[in-house]
Amino acid sequence: MDIALPEEGGRSTRYRLVGQPAQPVIGARFSRIAYAAAHVVADPLSMTDPWSHPVIDWDCTMAFRHHLWRLGFRVAEAMDTAQRGMGFDWANARELIRRSIAEARTVEGADLASGAGTDHLTPDAAKGLDDVIAAYEEQFGFVEGLGGKAIMMASRALATVARGADDYISVYDRILSQASGKVILHWLGDMFDPALKGYWGSHDFEVALDTVVALIERHAGKVEGIKISLLDAGKEVALRNRLPDGVVMFTGDDFNYPELIAGDGERHSHALLGIFDAIAPVANAALAKLADGDRAGYDALMAPTVPLSRKIFEAPTEYYKAGIVLMAWLNGHQEHFSMVGGMQSARGIRHYADVFRLADQAGLLADPELAVARMKSLCAVAGV
């Protein structure tokens, strides 16, 4: 089976598929906590103003969560992958969280944690730390009021009004001291969101690291773990090595996740990853191998997913959501390649062609005939 795909210079060449679709292990037990940050499915037939008033296909969105739960993953809900702060507003996020928590209760063993941030407070509307605290309190109150677990997302408003590390500490102290359950923190780098540059009050990683460690040590009883998304394995390991007992590291490194999850023999990272949305069948089989002590089998399965992930998350990294949704469409999890805010336009056809090739080589085209037919239609629209 082959397909004409575009290359640099405007040419197109025939690509012959080589991959064998991955076979996940249903009912597998993992030796790592594995959250998949899940995307949302837009409803293009109902949207008349997709930039300002997105409409969600709730049935399809919930069906994708069932797909992840069936493969043994926990769901990290209403996170960056769901386009929080990029077209998906708090009103929709609130409904998504409500539906997902209710849905999880219908599935034995299903688990999820939900993003609580300040995105309903625009940075220019924040006049001081009290506004940021109130915004966090509203979202934490909603998540925990439904019996959910909160992931404390980074705040653009806080990055705007904070004047140094002490302001970050003040806000996080307040929210963590009030939380009813354990919280997952999220350190999101500016490659994912340029508005977060200098988060924790410093552009120097070592200084920011000291601030984060001191914060976690002071609230160790309230912090389940921290997700770090800096796309730098060395920085993740530096934080991991300093975490107090009982606080776990969740890798958010979509470039280096296999080695970080496997660990160095003394410490390892758990996972809270957007790429797991796209590579769930292979990640499932690989994590099952790791749990069985088969490191070679784990590496063999994970290695081909890394070039795919690096392509999906290439700069501008914040547009990675488009590649995630492309994968869902190619694999039949939704009937269209439309996104909230028209985000599918954020990448070009050559990028999507590369994603297609790398997905095939990683065994991540579940139905190659369907994937080829859909990719042909996308290429045709682009003039290929």
Protein backbone atom coordinates (compact mmCIF):
# COMPACT_ATOMS: atom_id res chain seq x y z
CA MET A 1 0.00 0.00 0.00
CA ASP A 2 1.41 3.40 -0.94
CA ILE A 3 0.48 7.07 -1.09
CA ALA A 4 1.83 10.23 -2.72
CA LEU A 5 3.10 12.59 -0.02
CA PRO A 6 4.58 16.09 -0.38
CA GLU A 7 8.23 16.83 0.23
CA GLU A 8 10.37 19.96 0.39
CA GLY A 9 10.42 21.97 -2.81
CA GLY A 10 6.82 21.25 -3.77
CA ARG A 11 7.51 17.73 -5.02
CA SER A 12 5.51 14.68 -4.07
CA THR A 13 6.89 11.16 -3.85
CA ARG A 14 5.36 7.75 -3.34
CA TYR A 15 5.59 6.42 0.18
CA ARG A 16 5.06 2.70 0.76
CA LEU A 17 3.73 1.78 4.19
CA VAL A 18 5.98 -0.51 6.22
CA GLY A 19 4.50 -0.60 9.73
CA GLN A 20 2.56 -3.33 11.45
CA PRO A 21 -0.29 -2.01 13.62
CA ALA A 22 0.54 -2.24 17.32
CA GLN A 23 -1.21 -4.83 19.45
CA PRO A 24 -1.98 -3.38 22.88
CA VAL A 25 -2.25 -5.57 25.96
CA ILE A 26 -5.76 -5.17 27.33
CA GLY A 27 -5.82 -5.57 31.11
CA ALA A 28 -2.09 -4.94 31.44
CA ARG A 29 -0.72 -3.80 34.80
CA PHE A 30 1.82 -0.99 34.67
CA SER A 31 4.70 -0.40 37.06
CA ARG A 32 4.45 3.34 36.41
CA ILE A 33 1.60 5.78 36.88
CA ALA A 34 0.66 6.75 33.32
CA TYR A 35 -1.58 9.75 32.64
CA ALA A 36 -2.50 10.59 29.05
CA ALA A 37 -3.39 14.25 28.57
CA ALA A 38 -6.40 13.91 26.27
CA HIS A 39 -7.59 16.15 23.46
CA VAL A 40 -11.15 17.34 22.85
CA VAL A 41 -13.16 16.66 19.69
CA ALA A 42 -14.74 19.69 18.05
CA ASP A 43 -18.18 19.57 16.42
CA PRO A 44 -17.61 21.26 13.05
CA LEU A 45 -21.23 20.85 11.93
CA SER A 46 -22.49 22.91 14.86
CA MET A 47 -19.85 25.65 14.91
CA THR A 48 -20.70 28.92 13.21
CA ASP A 49 -17.92 30.89 14.93
CA PRO A 50 -15.16 28.37 15.70
CA TRP A 51 -12.66 30.98 16.90
CA SER A 52 -14.89 32.64 19.47
CA HIS A 53 -17.57 30.04 20.22
CA PRO A 54 -16.21 26.51 19.94
CA VAL A 55 -18.67 23.62 20.08
CA ILE A 56 -17.57 20.24 21.41
CA ASP A 57 -18.72 16.80 20.30
CA TRP A 58 -19.17 15.48 23.81
CA ASP A 59 -20.03 11.91 22.82
CA CYS A 60 -16.87 11.53 20.72
CA THR A 61 -14.78 13.32 23.33
CA MET A 62 -15.97 10.92 26.04
CA ALA A 63 -15.49 7.91 23.74
CA PHE A 64 -11.83 8.82 23.40
CA ARG A 65 -11.45 8.81 27.19
CA HIS A 66 -12.93 5.30 27.23
CA HIS A 67 -10.31 4.31 24.65
CA LEU A 68 -7.54 5.53 26.97
CA TRP A 69 -9.04 3.89 30.06
CA ARG A 70 -9.43 0.60 28.18
CA LEU A 71 -5.69 0.69 27.49
CA GLY A 72 -4.88 1.20 31.17
CA PHE A 73 -4.14 4.93 31.16
CA ARG A 74 -5.31 7.53 33.61
CA VAL A 75 -6.67 10.68 32.00
CA ALA A 76 -5.21 14.13 32.65
CA GLU A 77 -8.28 16.18 31.86
CA ALA A 78 -8.70 19.73 30.56
CA MET A 79 -4.98 20.28 30.21
CA ASP A 80 -2.86 21.97 27.56
CA THR A 81 -3.60 19.09 25.13
CA ALA A 82 -7.30 19.99 25.36
CA GLN A 83 -6.37 23.49 24.08
CA ARG A 84 -6.77 25.23 27.44
CA GLY A 85 -5.84 28.83 26.73
CA MET A 86 -5.83 28.19 22.97
CA GLY A 87 -9.49 28.38 22.02
CA PHE A 88 -10.95 26.16 24.76
CA ASP A 89 -12.36 28.37 27.49
CA TRP A 90 -13.17 27.76 31.16
CA ALA A 91 -16.89 27.36 30.47
CA ASN A 92 -16.17 24.42 28.15
CA ALA A 93 -13.45 23.09 30.44
CA ARG A 94 -15.88 23.11 33.35
CA GLU A 95 -18.36 21.01 31.35
CA LEU A 96 -15.57 18.69 30.19
CA ILE A 97 -14.40 18.12 33.76
CA ARG A 98 -17.94 17.52 34.99
CA ARG A 99 -18.68 14.99 32.25
CA SER A 100 -15.33 13.20 32.58
CA ILE A 101 -15.55 12.78 36.36
CA ALA A 102 -19.07 11.38 35.97
CA GLU A 103 -17.97 9.12 33.12
CA ALA A 104 -14.98 7.77 35.05
CA ARG A 105 -17.33 6.58 37.78
CA THR A 106 -18.99 4.26 35.26
CA VAL A 107 -15.70 2.48 34.42
CA GLU A 108 -14.08 0.07 36.85
CA GLY A 109 -10.55 1.20 37.63
CA ALA A 110 -10.83 4.44 35.64
CA ASP A 111 -8.94 7.39 37.09
CA LEU A 112 -8.37 10.99 36.14
CA ALA A 113 -7.09 14.32 37.39
CA SER A 114 -8.29 17.68 36.11
CA GLY A 115 -6.52 20.92 35.34
CA ALA A 116 -7.29 23.83 37.67
CA GLY A 117 -5.84 27.14 36.57
CA THR A 118 -6.72 30.79 36.13
CA ASP A 119 -7.56 30.93 32.43
CA HIS A 120 -10.93 32.65 32.98
CA LEU A 121 -8.88 35.59 34.32
CA THR A 122 -7.13 37.28 31.42
CA PRO A 123 -3.61 38.48 32.26
CA ASP A 124 -4.50 42.10 31.54
CA ALA A 125 -7.49 41.88 33.90
CA ALA A 126 -5.36 40.67 36.83
CA LYS A 127 -4.58 43.63 39.09
CA GLY A 128 -2.67 41.72 41.74
CA LEU A 129 -2.06 38.44 43.54
CA ASP A 130 -5.51 38.45 45.16
CA ASP A 131 -7.12 38.23 41.72
CA VAL A 132 -4.93 35.26 40.83
CA ILE A 133 -5.69 33.52 44.11
CA ALA A 134 -9.43 34.04 43.65
CA ALA A 135 -9.24 32.59 40.13
CA TYR A 136 -7.37 29.49 41.34
CA GLU A 137 -9.84 29.11 44.21
CA GLU A 138 -12.78 29.12 41.80
CA GLN A 139 -11.34 26.36 39.64
CA PHE A 140 -10.04 24.28 42.54
CA GLY A 141 -13.41 24.60 44.21
CA PHE A 142 -15.16 23.31 41.11
CA VAL A 143 -12.87 20.30 40.59
CA GLU A 144 -12.71 19.29 44.25
CA GLY A 145 -16.42 19.99 44.69
CA LEU A 146 -17.09 17.21 42.18
CA GLY A 147 -14.80 14.88 44.09
CA GLY A 148 -12.01 15.28 41.56
CA LYS A 149 -8.24 15.54 41.89
CA ALA A 150 -6.70 18.86 40.83
CA ILE A 151 -3.63 19.50 38.71
CA MET A 152 -2.45 23.02 39.53
CA MET A 153 -1.75 24.49 36.10
CA ALA A 154 0.69 27.31 35.51
CA SER A 155 -0.97 30.73 35.39
CA ARG A 156 -0.44 33.37 32.70
CA ALA A 157 -2.04 35.91 35.03
CA LEU A 158 0.42 35.07 37.80
CA ALA A 159 3.35 35.32 35.38
CA THR A 160 2.09 38.80 34.48
CA VAL A 161 1.59 40.25 37.97
CA ALA A 162 4.31 38.44 39.97
CA ARG A 163 7.37 40.53 40.78
CA GLY A 164 9.57 37.70 42.00
CA ALA A 165 9.74 34.26 43.55
CA ASP A 166 8.06 35.42 46.77
CA ASP A 167 4.87 36.22 44.86
CA TYR A 168 4.75 32.73 43.37
CA ILE A 169 5.34 31.21 46.80
CA SER A 170 2.57 33.34 48.29
CA VAL A 171 0.00 32.18 45.74
CA TYR A 172 1.00 28.51 45.80
CA ASP A 173 1.15 28.49 49.62
CA ARG A 174 -2.40 29.78 49.78
CA ILE A 175 -3.85 27.32 47.28
CA LEU A 176 -2.01 24.24 48.52
CA SER A 177 -2.88 24.96 52.15
CA GLN A 178 -6.57 25.09 51.19
CA ALA A 179 -6.66 22.05 48.88
CA SER A 180 -8.87 19.26 50.15
CA GLY A 181 -6.79 16.51 48.57
CA LYS A 182 -3.34 15.91 47.17
CA VAL A 183 -2.43 18.09 44.20
CA ILE A 184 -0.24 17.55 41.13
CA LEU A 185 1.83 20.63 40.27
CA HIS A 186 2.71 21.52 36.69
CA TRP A 187 5.86 23.36 35.63
CA LEU A 188 5.18 24.26 32.00
CA GLY A 189 8.00 25.73 29.95
CA ASP A 190 7.72 28.72 27.67
CA MET A 191 8.26 26.54 24.60
CA PHE A 192 4.70 25.33 25.27
CA ASP A 193 3.39 28.77 26.25
CA PRO A 194 5.56 31.87 25.64
CA ALA A 195 3.47 33.79 28.20
CA LEU A 196 5.04 31.67 30.95
CA LYS A 197 8.60 32.83 30.35
CA GLY A 198 10.36 33.42 33.67
CA TYR A 199 7.87 31.37 35.67
CA TRP A 200 8.74 30.91 39.35
CA GLY A 201 10.24 34.41 39.28
CA SER A 202 13.48 33.70 37.44
CA HIS A 203 14.87 33.00 33.98
CA ASP A 204 17.65 30.97 35.62
CA PHE A 205 16.70 27.30 35.91
CA GLU A 206 18.79 26.68 39.02
CA VAL A 207 17.16 29.57 40.85
CA ALA A 208 13.69 28.47 39.79
CA LEU A 209 14.54 24.91 40.82
CA ASP A 210 15.41 26.02 44.34
CA THR A 211 12.09 27.87 44.57
CA VAL A 212 10.08 24.84 43.44
CA VAL A 213 11.91 22.41 45.73
CA ALA A 214 11.42 24.67 48.74
CA LEU A 215 7.72 24.97 47.93
CA ILE A 216 7.26 21.21 47.60
CA GLU A 217 9.19 20.49 50.79
CA ARG A 218 6.95 22.87 52.71
CA HIS A 219 3.78 21.21 51.33
CA ALA A 220 4.98 17.62 50.86
CA GLY A 221 1.84 16.28 52.50
CA LYS A 222 -0.36 18.05 49.93
CA VAL A 223 1.68 17.41 46.78
CA GLU A 224 1.29 14.05 45.07
CA GLY A 225 3.86 14.95 42.45
CA ILE A 226 5.00 17.49 39.91
CA LYS A 227 4.87 17.35 36.13
CA ILE A 228 7.76 19.13 34.45
CA SER A 229 7.50 20.06 30.78
CA LEU A 230 10.79 21.67 29.77
CA LEU A 231 11.86 19.19 27.03
CA ASP A 232 15.19 18.77 28.82
CA ALA A 233 15.93 15.42 30.46
CA GLY A 234 18.77 16.83 32.55
CA LYS A 235 16.54 19.44 34.15
CA GLU A 236 13.89 16.85 34.94
CA VAL A 237 16.45 14.56 36.57
CA ALA A 238 17.82 17.48 38.59
CA LEU A 239 14.35 18.10 40.04
CA ARG A 240 13.59 14.39 40.42
CA ASN A 241 16.72 13.87 42.50
CA ARG A 242 15.64 16.56 44.95
CA LEU A 243 12.02 15.59 45.53
CA PRO A 244 11.16 14.61 49.11
CA ASP A 245 10.04 11.06 49.87
CA GLY A 246 6.45 10.44 48.88
CA VAL A 247 6.40 13.08 46.10
CA VAL A 248 6.70 11.65 42.60
CA MET A 249 7.98 13.02 39.33
CA PHE A 250 5.62 13.01 36.34
CA THR A 251 7.53 13.46 33.11
CA GLY A 252 6.03 15.93 30.69
CA ASP A 253 9.04 15.61 28.38
CA ASP A 254 7.63 14.61 25.00
CA PHE A 255 11.19 14.36 23.61
CA ASN A 256 12.88 12.09 26.16
CA TYR A 257 10.05 10.20 27.88
CA PRO A 258 11.21 6.59 27.29
CA GLU A 259 14.49 6.95 29.20
CA LEU A 260 12.91 9.07 31.94
CA ILE A 261 10.11 6.58 32.55
CA ALA A 262 12.52 3.64 32.52
CA GLY A 263 14.76 5.41 35.01
CA ASP A 264 18.42 5.15 35.93
CA GLY A 265 18.21 2.17 38.26
CA GLU A 266 17.69 4.33 41.33
CA ARG A 267 14.96 6.77 40.36
CA HIS A 268 12.40 6.93 37.59
CA SER A 269 9.66 9.25 36.39
CA HIS A 270 6.00 8.45 36.11
CA ALA A 271 4.17 9.97 33.15
CA LEU A 272 1.72 12.74 32.38
CA LEU A 273 2.12 13.18 28.66
CA GLY A 274 0.27 14.66 25.72
CA ILE A 275 2.00 12.26 23.35
CA PHE A 276 0.32 9.32 25.11
CA ASP A 277 -2.94 10.52 23.50
CA ALA A 278 -1.43 9.71 20.09
CA ILE A 279 0.74 6.67 20.92
CA ALA A 280 -1.49 4.95 23.47
CA PRO A 281 -1.52 1.46 21.85
CA VAL A 282 2.28 1.26 21.64
CA ALA A 283 2.82 2.94 25.01
CA ASN A 284 0.44 0.40 26.55
CA ALA A 285 2.39 -2.55 25.14
CA ALA A 286 5.73 -0.98 26.10
CA LEU A 287 4.68 -0.25 29.69
CA ALA A 288 3.44 -3.83 29.99
CA LYS A 289 6.92 -5.01 28.94
CA LEU A 290 8.55 -2.72 31.49
CA ALA A 291 6.28 -4.04 34.25
CA ASP A 292 7.39 -7.57 33.32
CA GLY A 293 11.06 -6.57 33.65
CA ASP A 294 11.64 -6.66 29.88
CA ARG A 295 13.61 -3.44 29.37
CA ALA A 296 14.76 -4.48 25.90
CA GLY A 297 11.18 -5.10 24.80
CA TYR A 298 10.11 -1.76 26.27
CA ASP A 299 12.90 0.09 24.45
CA ALA A 300 12.15 -1.66 21.16
CA LEU A 301 8.53 -0.54 21.25
CA MET A 302 9.11 2.98 22.54
CA ALA A 303 12.10 3.93 20.35
CA PRO A 304 10.14 4.36 17.07
CA THR A 305 7.62 6.63 18.80
CA VAL A 306 10.27 9.21 19.68
CA PRO A 307 10.86 10.58 16.14
CA LEU A 308 7.08 10.85 15.79
CA SER A 309 6.76 12.72 19.08
CA ARG A 310 9.64 15.04 18.26
CA LYS A 311 7.98 15.87 14.94
CA ILE A 312 4.57 16.49 16.53
CA PHE A 313 6.14 18.67 19.25
CA GLU A 314 8.62 20.54 17.04
CA ALA A 315 8.75 24.32 17.29
CA PRO A 316 6.46 26.20 17.55
CA THR A 317 5.77 23.58 20.21
CA GLU A 318 2.43 25.01 21.34
CA TYR A 319 0.91 23.83 18.04
CA TYR A 320 1.53 20.16 18.84
CA LYS A 321 -2.22 19.71 19.43
CA ALA A 322 -2.75 19.66 15.67
CA GLY A 323 -0.60 16.55 15.27
CA ILE A 324 -2.39 14.87 18.17
CA VAL A 325 -5.79 15.43 16.55
CA LEU A 326 -4.49 14.36 13.14
CA MET A 327 -3.52 11.02 14.69
CA ALA A 328 -6.98 10.62 16.23
CA TRP A 329 -8.60 11.29 12.87
CA LEU A 330 -6.29 8.96 10.94
CA ASN A 331 -7.06 6.20 13.44
CA GLY A 332 -10.83 6.56 13.27
CA HIS A 333 -11.45 8.10 16.69
CA GLN A 334 -13.25 11.03 15.03
CA GLU A 335 -14.80 11.63 11.63
CA HIS A 336 -13.10 14.91 10.74
CA PHE A 337 -9.87 16.86 11.09
CA SER A 338 -11.31 20.03 12.58
CA MET A 339 -10.22 21.63 15.83
CA VAL A 340 -11.34 24.25 18.29
CA GLY A 341 -10.30 27.63 16.93
CA GLY A 342 -9.39 26.12 13.57
CA MET A 343 -6.09 25.00 15.11
CA GLN A 344 -5.61 22.37 12.37
CA SER A 345 -4.32 25.27 10.24
CA ALA A 346 -1.37 25.78 12.62
CA ARG A 347 0.74 23.20 10.77
CA GLY A 348 1.41 22.71 7.07
CA ILE A 349 0.79 19.72 4.85
CA ARG A 350 4.48 18.70 4.79
CA HIS A 351 4.45 18.50 8.59
CA TYR A 352 1.37 16.30 8.45
CA ALA A 353 2.97 14.11 5.80
CA ASP A 354 5.98 13.59 8.07
CA VAL A 355 3.68 12.71 10.97
CA PHE A 356 1.93 10.14 8.74
CA ARG A 357 5.20 8.48 7.73
CA LEU A 358 6.53 8.35 11.29
CA ALA A 359 3.23 7.07 12.67
CA ASP A 360 3.32 4.23 10.16
CA GLN A 361 6.91 3.35 11.07
CA ALA A 362 5.98 3.26 14.78
CA GLY A 363 3.04 0.89 14.18
CA LEU A 364 0.54 3.60 15.06
CA LEU A 365 -1.82 3.44 12.08
CA ALA A 366 -4.42 1.06 13.45
CA ASP A 367 -6.22 0.64 10.11
CA PRO A 368 -3.75 1.46 7.32
CA GLU A 369 -6.42 1.52 4.60
CA LEU A 370 -8.50 4.06 6.50
CA ALA A 371 -5.42 6.13 7.34
CA VAL A 372 -4.30 6.20 3.69
CA ALA A 373 -7.77 7.19 2.48
CA ARG A 374 -7.97 10.03 4.99
CA MET A 375 -4.43 11.24 4.34
CA LYS A 376 -5.16 11.27 0.60
CA SER A 377 -8.16 13.51 1.19
CA LEU A 378 -6.08 15.90 3.33
CA CYS A 379 -3.39 16.03 0.66
CA ALA A 380 -5.99 16.69 -2.03
CA VAL A 381 -7.37 19.67 -0.13
CA ALA A 382 -3.80 21.01 0.11
CA GLY A 383 -3.33 20.66 -3.64
CA VAL A 384 -1.11 17.58 -3.58
